[in-house]
Structures are given as C-alpha cells and as structure tokens.
All heavy atoms as atom14 arrays in JSON, in Angstrom:
{
  "sequence": "DYRSLADIHDELFYVSQFPSEQVLINKDLLAIVCRRSCEDLDSN",
  "atom14_mask": [
    [1, 1, 1, 1, 1, 1, 1, 1, 0, 0, 0, 0, 0, 0],
    [1, 1, 1, 1, 1, 1, 1, 1, 1, 1, 1, 1, 0, 0],
    [1, 1, 1, 1, 1, 1, 1, 1, 1, 1, 1, 0, 0, 0],
    [1, 1, 1, 1, 1, 1, 0, 0, 0, 0, 0, 0, 0, 0],
    [1, 1, 1, 1, 1, 1, 1, 1, 0, 0, 0, 0, 0, 0],
    [1, 1, 1, 1, 1, 0, 0, 0, 0, 0, 0, 0, 0, 0],
    [1, 1, 1, 1, 1, 1, 1, 1, 0, 0, 0, 0, 0, 0],
    [1, 1, 1, 1, 1, 1, 1, 1, 0, 0, 0, 0, 0, 0],
    [1, 1, 1, 1, 1, 1, 1, 1, 1, 1, 0, 0, 0, 0],
    [1, 1, 1, 1, 1, 1, 1, 1, 0, 0, 0, 0, 0, 0],
    [1, 1, 1, 1, 1, 1, 1, 1, 1, 0, 0, 0, 0, 0],
    [1, 1, 1, 1, 1, 1, 1, 1, 0, 0, 0, 0, 0, 0],
    [1, 1, 1, 1, 1, 1, 1, 1, 1, 1, 1, 0, 0, 0],
    [1, 1, 1, 1, 1, 1, 1, 1, 1, 1, 1, 1, 0, 0],
    [1, 1, 1, 1, 1, 1, 1, 0, 0, 0, 0, 0, 0, 0],
    [1, 1, 1, 1, 1, 1, 0, 0, 0, 0, 0, 0, 0, 0],
    [1, 1, 1, 1, 1, 1, 1, 1, 1, 0, 0, 0, 0, 0],
    [1, 1, 1, 1, 1, 1, 1, 1, 1, 1, 1, 0, 0, 0],
    [1, 1, 1, 1, 1, 1, 1, 0, 0, 0, 0, 0, 0, 0],
    [1, 1, 1, 1, 1, 1, 0, 0, 0, 0, 0, 0, 0, 0],
    [1, 1, 1, 1, 1, 1, 1, 1, 1, 0, 0, 0, 0, 0],
    [1, 1, 1, 1, 1, 1, 1, 1, 1, 0, 0, 0, 0, 0],
    [1, 1, 1, 1, 1, 1, 1, 0, 0, 0, 0, 0, 0, 0],
    [1, 1, 1, 1, 1, 1, 1, 1, 0, 0, 0, 0, 0, 0],
    [1, 1, 1, 1, 1, 1, 1, 1, 0, 0, 0, 0, 0, 0],
    [1, 1, 1, 1, 1, 1, 1, 1, 0, 0, 0, 0, 0, 0],
    [1, 1, 1, 1, 1, 1, 1, 1, 1, 0, 0, 0, 0, 0],
    [1, 1, 1, 1, 1, 1, 1, 1, 0, 0, 0, 0, 0, 0],
    [1, 1, 1, 1, 1, 1, 1, 1, 0, 0, 0, 0, 0, 0],
    [1, 1, 1, 1, 1, 1, 1, 1, 0, 0, 0, 0, 0, 0],
    [1, 1, 1, 1, 1, 0, 0, 0, 0, 0, 0, 0, 0, 0],
    [1, 1, 1, 1, 1, 1, 1, 1, 0, 0, 0, 0, 0, 0],
    [1, 1, 1, 1, 1, 1, 1, 0, 0, 0, 0, 0, 0, 0],
    [1, 1, 1, 1, 1, 1, 0, 0, 0, 0, 0, 0, 0, 0],
    [1, 1, 1, 1, 1, 1, 1, 1, 1, 1, 1, 0, 0, 0],
    [1, 1, 1, 1, 1, 1, 1, 1, 1, 1, 1, 0, 0, 0],
    [1, 1, 1, 1, 1, 1, 0, 0, 0, 0, 0, 0, 0, 0],
    [1, 1, 1, 1, 1, 1, 0, 0, 0, 0, 0, 0, 0, 0],
    [1, 1, 1, 1, 1, 1, 1, 1, 1, 0, 0, 0, 0, 0],
    [1, 1, 1, 1, 1, 1, 1, 1, 0, 0, 0, 0, 0, 0],
    [1, 1, 1, 1, 1, 1, 1, 1, 0, 0, 0, 0, 0, 0],
    [1, 1, 1, 1, 1, 1, 1, 1, 0, 0, 0, 0, 0, 0],
    [1, 1, 1, 1, 1, 1, 0, 0, 0, 0, 0, 0, 0, 0],
    [1, 1, 1, 1, 1, 1, 1, 1, 0, 0, 0, 0, 0, 0]
  ],
  "atom14_positions": [
    [[111.87, 164.45, 95.39], [110.53, 164.7, 96.22], [109.59, 163.52, 96.15], [108.71, 163.67, 95.3], [109.9, 165.93, 95.92], [108.9, 166.55, 96.86], [108.64, 165.68, 97.69], [108.37, 167.62, 96.77], [0.0, 0.0, 0.0], [0.0, 0.0, 0.0], [0.0, 0.0, 0.0], [0.0, 0.0, 0.0], [0.0, 0.0, 0.0], [0.0, 0.0, 0.0]],
    [[109.79, 162.4, 96.84], [108.91, 161.22, 96.75], [107.58, 161.68, 97.41], [106.57, 161.28, 96.95], [109.57, 160.21, 97.66], [110.73, 159.53, 97.16], [111.94, 160.16, 96.92], [110.65, 158.06, 96.83], [113.1, 159.51, 96.47], [111.75, 157.36, 96.52], [113.04, 158.2, 96.35], [114.15, 157.49, 95.88], [0.0, 0.0, 0.0], [0.0, 0.0, 0.0]],
    [[107.68, 162.59, 98.41], [106.35, 162.89, 99.16], [105.38, 163.52, 98.27], [104.08, 163.23, 98.3], [106.81, 163.63, 100.38], [105.52, 164.04, 101.32], [105.91, 164.88, 102.44], [107.08, 164.35, 103.25], [107.7, 165.04, 104.06], [107.39, 166.33, 104.3], [108.65, 164.43, 104.85], [0.0, 0.0, 0.0], [0.0, 0.0, 0.0], [0.0, 0.0, 0.0]],
    [[105.81, 164.59, 97.59], [104.82, 165.29, 96.7], [104.3, 164.41, 95.58], [103.05, 164.51, 95.28], [105.57, 166.47, 96.04], [105.85, 167.5, 97.05], [0.0, 0.0, 0.0], [0.0, 0.0, 0.0], [0.0, 0.0, 0.0], [0.0, 0.0, 0.0], [0.0, 0.0, 0.0], [0.0, 0.0, 0.0], [0.0, 0.0, 0.0], [0.0, 0.0, 0.0]],
    [[105.06, 163.49, 95.02], [104.52, 162.62, 93.96], [103.66, 161.67, 94.63], [102.63, 161.29, 93.98], [105.78, 161.96, 93.34], [105.37, 161.09, 92.19], [104.66, 161.86, 91.06], [106.64, 160.44, 91.54], [0.0, 0.0, 0.0], [0.0, 0.0, 0.0], [0.0, 0.0, 0.0], [0.0, 0.0, 0.0], [0.0, 0.0, 0.0], [0.0, 0.0, 0.0]],
    [[103.87, 161.24, 95.79], [103.01, 160.28, 96.47], [101.66, 160.88, 96.94], [100.6, 160.23, 96.78], [103.7, 159.78, 97.81], [0.0, 0.0, 0.0], [0.0, 0.0, 0.0], [0.0, 0.0, 0.0], [0.0, 0.0, 0.0], [0.0, 0.0, 0.0], [0.0, 0.0, 0.0], [0.0, 0.0, 0.0], [0.0, 0.0, 0.0], [0.0, 0.0, 0.0]],
    [[101.66, 162.26, 97.21], [100.45, 162.93, 97.52], [99.45, 162.92, 96.27], [98.24, 162.85, 96.49], [100.74, 164.4, 97.88], [101.4, 164.33, 99.27], [101.41, 163.33, 99.99], [101.99, 165.42, 99.74], [0.0, 0.0, 0.0], [0.0, 0.0, 0.0], [0.0, 0.0, 0.0], [0.0, 0.0, 0.0], [0.0, 0.0, 0.0], [0.0, 0.0, 0.0]],
    [[100.06, 162.97, 95.12], [99.1, 163.08, 93.88], [98.98, 161.78, 93.32], [98.19, 161.58, 92.23], [99.59, 164.19, 92.92], [101.01, 163.78, 92.28], [99.73, 165.56, 93.51], [101.54, 164.65, 91.11], [0.0, 0.0, 0.0], [0.0, 0.0, 0.0], [0.0, 0.0, 0.0], [0.0, 0.0, 0.0], [0.0, 0.0, 0.0], [0.0, 0.0, 0.0]],
    [[99.6, 160.66, 93.86], [99.64, 159.42, 93.24], [98.36, 158.74, 93.66], [97.85, 158.74, 94.89], [100.89, 158.64, 93.43], [101.23, 157.69, 92.42], [100.92, 156.46, 92.42], [102.08, 157.76, 91.37], [101.49, 155.8, 91.5], [102.24, 156.65, 90.74], [0.0, 0.0, 0.0], [0.0, 0.0, 0.0], [0.0, 0.0, 0.0], [0.0, 0.0, 0.0]],
    [[97.82, 157.78, 92.82], [96.61, 156.91, 93.29], [97.02, 156.01, 94.37], [96.14, 155.75, 95.25], [96.03, 156.25, 92.06], [95.37, 157.09, 91.08], [95.25, 158.34, 91.36], [94.96, 156.65, 90.02], [0.0, 0.0, 0.0], [0.0, 0.0, 0.0], [0.0, 0.0, 0.0], [0.0, 0.0, 0.0], [0.0, 0.0, 0.0], [0.0, 0.0, 0.0]],
    [[98.29, 155.47, 94.35], [98.61, 154.61, 95.48], [100.17, 154.67, 95.44], [100.77, 155.33, 94.58], [98.23, 153.18, 95.05], [98.66, 152.75, 93.62], [98.05, 151.35, 93.27], [98.45, 150.34, 94.0], [97.33, 151.39, 92.39], [0.0, 0.0, 0.0], [0.0, 0.0, 0.0], [0.0, 0.0, 0.0], [0.0, 0.0, 0.0], [0.0, 0.0, 0.0]],
    [[100.82, 154.09, 96.5], [102.2, 154.13, 96.64], [102.96, 153.49, 95.57], [102.27, 152.46, 94.93], [102.62, 153.54, 97.88], [102.22, 154.36, 99.13], [102.46, 153.55, 100.46], [103.05, 155.81, 99.25], [0.0, 0.0, 0.0], [0.0, 0.0, 0.0], [0.0, 0.0, 0.0], [0.0, 0.0, 0.0], [0.0, 0.0, 0.0], [0.0, 0.0, 0.0]],
    [[104.05, 153.82, 95.06], [104.68, 153.43, 93.84], [106.02, 152.81, 93.92], [106.63, 153.07, 95.13], [104.67, 154.58, 92.79], [105.42, 155.8, 93.5], [106.72, 155.85, 93.37], [104.69, 156.91, 94.19], [107.41, 156.98, 93.93], [105.35, 157.86, 94.59], [106.65, 158.03, 94.59], [0.0, 0.0, 0.0], [0.0, 0.0, 0.0], [0.0, 0.0, 0.0]],
    [[106.48, 152.03, 93.0], [107.8, 151.64, 93.03], [108.55, 152.72, 92.06], [108.13, 153.03, 91.09], [107.9, 150.21, 92.46], [107.37, 149.22, 93.4], [106.09, 148.92, 93.5], [108.25, 148.47, 94.27], [105.45, 147.87, 94.33], [107.83, 147.52, 95.07], [106.44, 147.25, 95.17], [105.94, 146.31, 96.08], [0.0, 0.0, 0.0], [0.0, 0.0, 0.0]],
    [[109.93, 152.7, 92.41], [110.72, 153.68, 91.72], [112.1, 153.18, 91.53], [112.65, 152.47, 92.32], [110.83, 155.02, 92.38], [111.39, 154.96, 93.62], [111.49, 156.12, 91.44], [0.0, 0.0, 0.0], [0.0, 0.0, 0.0], [0.0, 0.0, 0.0], [0.0, 0.0, 0.0], [0.0, 0.0, 0.0], [0.0, 0.0, 0.0], [0.0, 0.0, 0.0]],
    [[112.82, 153.43, 90.32], [113.9, 152.8, 89.87], [115.22, 153.53, 90.64], [116.21, 153.79, 89.81], [114.12, 152.81, 88.33], [114.13, 154.27, 87.95], [0.0, 0.0, 0.0], [0.0, 0.0, 0.0], [0.0, 0.0, 0.0], [0.0, 0.0, 0.0], [0.0, 0.0, 0.0], [0.0, 0.0, 0.0], [0.0, 0.0, 0.0], [0.0, 0.0, 0.0]],
    [[115.17, 153.68, 91.78], [116.32, 154.35, 92.59], [116.13, 154.26, 94.0], [115.12, 153.8, 94.51], [116.46, 155.75, 92.26], [115.31, 156.69, 92.66], [115.5, 158.17, 92.29], [115.36, 158.41, 91.15], [115.59, 158.9, 93.36], [0.0, 0.0, 0.0], [0.0, 0.0, 0.0], [0.0, 0.0, 0.0], [0.0, 0.0, 0.0], [0.0, 0.0, 0.0]],
    [[117.14, 154.42, 94.7], [117.25, 154.4, 96.22], [117.7, 155.79, 96.69], [118.49, 156.53, 96.15], [118.23, 153.31, 96.75], [117.72, 151.98, 96.71], [117.61, 151.2, 95.67], [117.33, 151.36, 98.0], [117.1, 149.94, 95.56], [116.83, 150.09, 97.97], [116.74, 149.39, 96.83], [0.0, 0.0, 0.0], [0.0, 0.0, 0.0], [0.0, 0.0, 0.0]],
    [[116.98, 156.18, 97.88], [117.43, 157.38, 98.45], [119.01, 157.43, 98.71], [119.55, 156.4, 99.16], [116.65, 157.58, 99.81], [115.45, 156.61, 99.56], [115.92, 155.56, 98.54], [0.0, 0.0, 0.0], [0.0, 0.0, 0.0], [0.0, 0.0, 0.0], [0.0, 0.0, 0.0], [0.0, 0.0, 0.0], [0.0, 0.0, 0.0], [0.0, 0.0, 0.0]],
    [[119.54, 158.63, 98.63], [121.04, 158.77, 98.88], [121.98, 157.79, 98.14], [123.0, 157.47, 98.6], [121.34, 158.6, 100.42], [120.74, 159.63, 101.11], [0.0, 0.0, 0.0], [0.0, 0.0, 0.0], [0.0, 0.0, 0.0], [0.0, 0.0, 0.0], [0.0, 0.0, 0.0], [0.0, 0.0, 0.0], [0.0, 0.0, 0.0], [0.0, 0.0, 0.0]],
    [[121.48, 157.26, 97.06], [122.42, 156.29, 96.19], [123.58, 157.11, 95.65], [124.57, 156.38, 94.98], [121.72, 155.67, 95.08], [121.01, 156.49, 94.08], [120.12, 155.7, 93.17], [119.78, 154.59, 93.33], [119.44, 156.44, 92.32], [0.0, 0.0, 0.0], [0.0, 0.0, 0.0], [0.0, 0.0, 0.0], [0.0, 0.0, 0.0], [0.0, 0.0, 0.0]],
    [[123.67, 158.42, 95.78], [124.82, 159.12, 95.32], [126.04, 158.7, 95.96], [127.15, 158.85, 95.49], [124.77, 160.65, 95.49], [124.66, 161.14, 96.88], [123.36, 161.2, 97.43], [122.33, 160.8, 96.89], [123.2, 161.84, 98.68], [0.0, 0.0, 0.0], [0.0, 0.0, 0.0], [0.0, 0.0, 0.0], [0.0, 0.0, 0.0], [0.0, 0.0, 0.0]],
    [[125.99, 157.93, 97.13], [127.21, 157.5, 97.8], [127.79, 156.5, 96.95], [129.0, 156.14, 97.08], [126.92, 156.99, 99.15], [126.41, 158.06, 100.03], [126.03, 155.85, 99.26], [0.0, 0.0, 0.0], [0.0, 0.0, 0.0], [0.0, 0.0, 0.0], [0.0, 0.0, 0.0], [0.0, 0.0, 0.0], [0.0, 0.0, 0.0], [0.0, 0.0, 0.0]],
    [[127.13, 155.85, 96.01], [127.61, 154.84, 95.08], [128.06, 155.35, 93.7], [128.95, 155.08, 93.11], [126.65, 153.65, 94.98], [126.31, 152.76, 96.01], [125.16, 151.87, 95.68], [127.58, 151.91, 96.16], [0.0, 0.0, 0.0], [0.0, 0.0, 0.0], [0.0, 0.0, 0.0], [0.0, 0.0, 0.0], [0.0, 0.0, 0.0], [0.0, 0.0, 0.0]],
    [[127.28, 156.38, 93.27], [127.26, 156.74, 91.86], [128.24, 158.02, 91.67], [128.53, 158.37, 90.58], [125.93, 156.93, 91.13], [125.15, 158.04, 91.88], [125.14, 155.64, 91.14], [123.76, 158.13, 91.08], [0.0, 0.0, 0.0], [0.0, 0.0, 0.0], [0.0, 0.0, 0.0], [0.0, 0.0, 0.0], [0.0, 0.0, 0.0], [0.0, 0.0, 0.0]],
    [[128.49, 158.7, 92.82], [129.51, 159.79, 92.65], [130.85, 159.42, 93.07], [131.04, 158.72, 94.09], [129.11, 161.06, 93.63], [127.91, 161.82, 93.13], [127.22, 161.37, 92.25], [127.85, 162.99, 93.69], [0.0, 0.0, 0.0], [0.0, 0.0, 0.0], [0.0, 0.0, 0.0], [0.0, 0.0, 0.0], [0.0, 0.0, 0.0], [0.0, 0.0, 0.0]],
    [[131.87, 159.67, 92.24], [133.17, 158.91, 92.28], [133.91, 159.15, 93.63], [134.53, 158.36, 94.25], [134.02, 159.3, 91.13], [133.39, 158.7, 89.8], [134.13, 159.11, 88.64], [133.55, 158.66, 87.37], [132.25, 159.46, 87.06], [0.0, 0.0, 0.0], [0.0, 0.0, 0.0], [0.0, 0.0, 0.0], [0.0, 0.0, 0.0], [0.0, 0.0, 0.0]],
    [[133.8, 160.44, 94.15], [134.37, 160.89, 95.37], [133.64, 160.08, 96.55], [134.38, 159.41, 97.47], [134.23, 162.35, 95.58], [132.91, 162.89, 95.71], [131.93, 162.36, 94.93], [132.58, 163.85, 96.39], [0.0, 0.0, 0.0], [0.0, 0.0, 0.0], [0.0, 0.0, 0.0], [0.0, 0.0, 0.0], [0.0, 0.0, 0.0], [0.0, 0.0, 0.0]],
    [[132.45, 159.95, 96.56], [131.7, 159.23, 97.7], [132.02, 157.69, 97.54], [131.97, 157.16, 98.63], [130.2, 159.68, 97.68], [129.84, 161.24, 97.74], [128.35, 161.33, 97.84], [130.61, 161.72, 98.99], [0.0, 0.0, 0.0], [0.0, 0.0, 0.0], [0.0, 0.0, 0.0], [0.0, 0.0, 0.0], [0.0, 0.0, 0.0], [0.0, 0.0, 0.0]],
    [[131.94, 157.14, 96.37], [132.28, 155.76, 96.25], [133.52, 155.33, 96.84], [133.59, 154.3, 97.51], [132.22, 155.41, 94.67], [132.51, 153.92, 94.34], [131.45, 153.08, 94.96], [132.78, 153.67, 92.92], [0.0, 0.0, 0.0], [0.0, 0.0, 0.0], [0.0, 0.0, 0.0], [0.0, 0.0, 0.0], [0.0, 0.0, 0.0], [0.0, 0.0, 0.0]],
    [[134.62, 156.12, 96.81], [135.88, 155.83, 97.32], [135.85, 155.89, 98.77], [136.25, 155.01, 99.49], [136.9, 156.83, 97.0], [0.0, 0.0, 0.0], [0.0, 0.0, 0.0], [0.0, 0.0, 0.0], [0.0, 0.0, 0.0], [0.0, 0.0, 0.0], [0.0, 0.0, 0.0], [0.0, 0.0, 0.0], [0.0, 0.0, 0.0], [0.0, 0.0, 0.0]],
    [[134.99, 156.87, 99.3], [134.76, 156.92, 100.84], [134.08, 155.67, 101.37], [134.37, 155.09, 102.34], [134.04, 158.1, 101.22], [134.81, 159.43, 100.83], [133.61, 158.2, 102.71], [134.06, 160.75, 100.9], [0.0, 0.0, 0.0], [0.0, 0.0, 0.0], [0.0, 0.0, 0.0], [0.0, 0.0, 0.0], [0.0, 0.0, 0.0], [0.0, 0.0, 0.0]],
    [[132.94, 155.25, 100.6], [132.28, 154.03, 100.99], [133.11, 152.84, 100.81], [133.2, 152.01, 101.87], [131.06, 153.87, 100.15], [130.45, 152.59, 100.02], [129.93, 154.87, 100.42], [0.0, 0.0, 0.0], [0.0, 0.0, 0.0], [0.0, 0.0, 0.0], [0.0, 0.0, 0.0], [0.0, 0.0, 0.0], [0.0, 0.0, 0.0], [0.0, 0.0, 0.0]],
    [[133.89, 152.78, 99.79], [134.58, 151.43, 99.68], [135.81, 151.42, 100.78], [136.07, 150.26, 101.25], [135.27, 151.5, 98.35], [134.07, 151.23, 96.98], [0.0, 0.0, 0.0], [0.0, 0.0, 0.0], [0.0, 0.0, 0.0], [0.0, 0.0, 0.0], [0.0, 0.0, 0.0], [0.0, 0.0, 0.0], [0.0, 0.0, 0.0], [0.0, 0.0, 0.0]],
    [[136.23, 152.55, 101.27], [137.25, 152.51, 102.22], [136.71, 151.91, 103.56], [137.54, 151.39, 104.47], [138.05, 153.77, 102.43], [138.94, 154.25, 101.36], [139.8, 155.37, 101.76], [139.14, 156.66, 102.01], [138.98, 157.72, 101.09], [139.43, 157.41, 99.81], [138.37, 158.63, 101.4], [0.0, 0.0, 0.0], [0.0, 0.0, 0.0], [0.0, 0.0, 0.0]],
    [[135.53, 151.92, 103.78], [134.91, 151.25, 104.93], [135.24, 149.75, 105.0], [135.02, 149.13, 106.06], [133.36, 151.55, 104.99], [133.13, 152.96, 105.14], [131.67, 153.26, 105.0], [131.24, 154.67, 105.02], [130.14, 155.19, 104.56], [129.17, 154.47, 104.06], [129.99, 156.54, 104.61], [0.0, 0.0, 0.0], [0.0, 0.0, 0.0], [0.0, 0.0, 0.0]],
    [[135.5, 149.16, 103.73], [135.8, 147.65, 103.8], [137.14, 147.42, 104.16], [137.52, 146.15, 104.22], [135.58, 147.2, 102.35], [134.05, 147.32, 101.98], [0.0, 0.0, 0.0], [0.0, 0.0, 0.0], [0.0, 0.0, 0.0], [0.0, 0.0, 0.0], [0.0, 0.0, 0.0], [0.0, 0.0, 0.0], [0.0, 0.0, 0.0], [0.0, 0.0, 0.0]],
    [[138.1, 148.35, 104.35], [139.31, 148.16, 104.77], [139.51, 147.81, 106.19], [139.14, 148.63, 107.07], [140.26, 149.34, 104.28], [142.04, 149.14, 104.43], [0.0, 0.0, 0.0], [0.0, 0.0, 0.0], [0.0, 0.0, 0.0], [0.0, 0.0, 0.0], [0.0, 0.0, 0.0], [0.0, 0.0, 0.0], [0.0, 0.0, 0.0], [0.0, 0.0, 0.0]],
    [[140.25, 146.59, 106.5], [140.17, 146.3, 107.84], [141.44, 146.87, 108.57], [141.22, 147.22, 109.82], [140.55, 144.66, 107.87], [139.12, 143.91, 107.24], [139.42, 142.51, 107.36], [140.46, 142.05, 107.73], [138.46, 141.66, 106.91], [0.0, 0.0, 0.0], [0.0, 0.0, 0.0], [0.0, 0.0, 0.0], [0.0, 0.0, 0.0], [0.0, 0.0, 0.0]],
    [[142.4, 147.22, 107.87], [143.57, 147.77, 108.6], [144.24, 148.98, 107.69], [145.09, 148.67, 106.97], [144.59, 146.7, 108.88], [145.88, 147.24, 109.74], [145.66, 148.51, 110.09], [146.72, 146.52, 109.95], [0.0, 0.0, 0.0], [0.0, 0.0, 0.0], [0.0, 0.0, 0.0], [0.0, 0.0, 0.0], [0.0, 0.0, 0.0], [0.0, 0.0, 0.0]],
    [[143.51, 149.98, 107.71], [143.87, 151.11, 106.95], [145.32, 151.62, 107.24], [146.02, 152.03, 106.33], [142.87, 152.27, 107.15], [143.07, 153.52, 106.01], [142.96, 153.14, 104.66], [141.98, 154.66, 106.41], [0.0, 0.0, 0.0], [0.0, 0.0, 0.0], [0.0, 0.0, 0.0], [0.0, 0.0, 0.0], [0.0, 0.0, 0.0], [0.0, 0.0, 0.0]],
    [[145.7, 151.77, 108.41], [147.0, 152.26, 108.87], [148.23, 151.32, 108.2], [149.16, 152.13, 107.73], [147.19, 152.28, 110.29], [146.33, 153.23, 110.98], [145.95, 154.31, 110.28], [145.93, 153.12, 112.22], [0.0, 0.0, 0.0], [0.0, 0.0, 0.0], [0.0, 0.0, 0.0], [0.0, 0.0, 0.0], [0.0, 0.0, 0.0], [0.0, 0.0, 0.0]],
    [[148.16, 150.19, 108.16], [149.14, 149.38, 107.56], [149.25, 149.54, 106.09], [150.4, 149.64, 105.67], [148.92, 147.89, 107.92], [147.78, 147.38, 107.21], [0.0, 0.0, 0.0], [0.0, 0.0, 0.0], [0.0, 0.0, 0.0], [0.0, 0.0, 0.0], [0.0, 0.0, 0.0], [0.0, 0.0, 0.0], [0.0, 0.0, 0.0], [0.0, 0.0, 0.0]],
    [[148.31, 149.74, 105.45], [148.38, 149.93, 104.06], [148.93, 151.53, 103.7], [149.42, 151.68, 102.79], [146.86, 149.87, 103.39], [146.64, 148.46, 103.21], [146.3, 147.77, 104.22], [146.71, 147.93, 101.95], [0.0, 0.0, 0.0], [0.0, 0.0, 0.0], [0.0, 0.0, 0.0], [0.0, 0.0, 0.0], [0.0, 0.0, 0.0], [0.0, 0.0, 0.0]]
  ]
}
C-alpha cells in the first residue's frame, strides 16, 4: 500500500522495491518471464 504511506508521509519517498516484482522473485513467474526471450519456442 504505497498510497496510504504516501498520505501520511511528509513528501514522496524512495523505496527498495518495484511494483509487481514478484514476476522476477517467484520461481514459477520467473520461468514464464524468461520464456518471453525465446525466439522460436516450437523448435525447442
């Protein structure tokens, strides 16, 4: 909840994460993401 924290914060802040970064750090989603780099999935 970035929004609620921003509402009580004196100013906008920097934070050590990116929204939806679970696509990288969850192993099932990482595999899905990486397969997007495959140019010819059928041949493999």
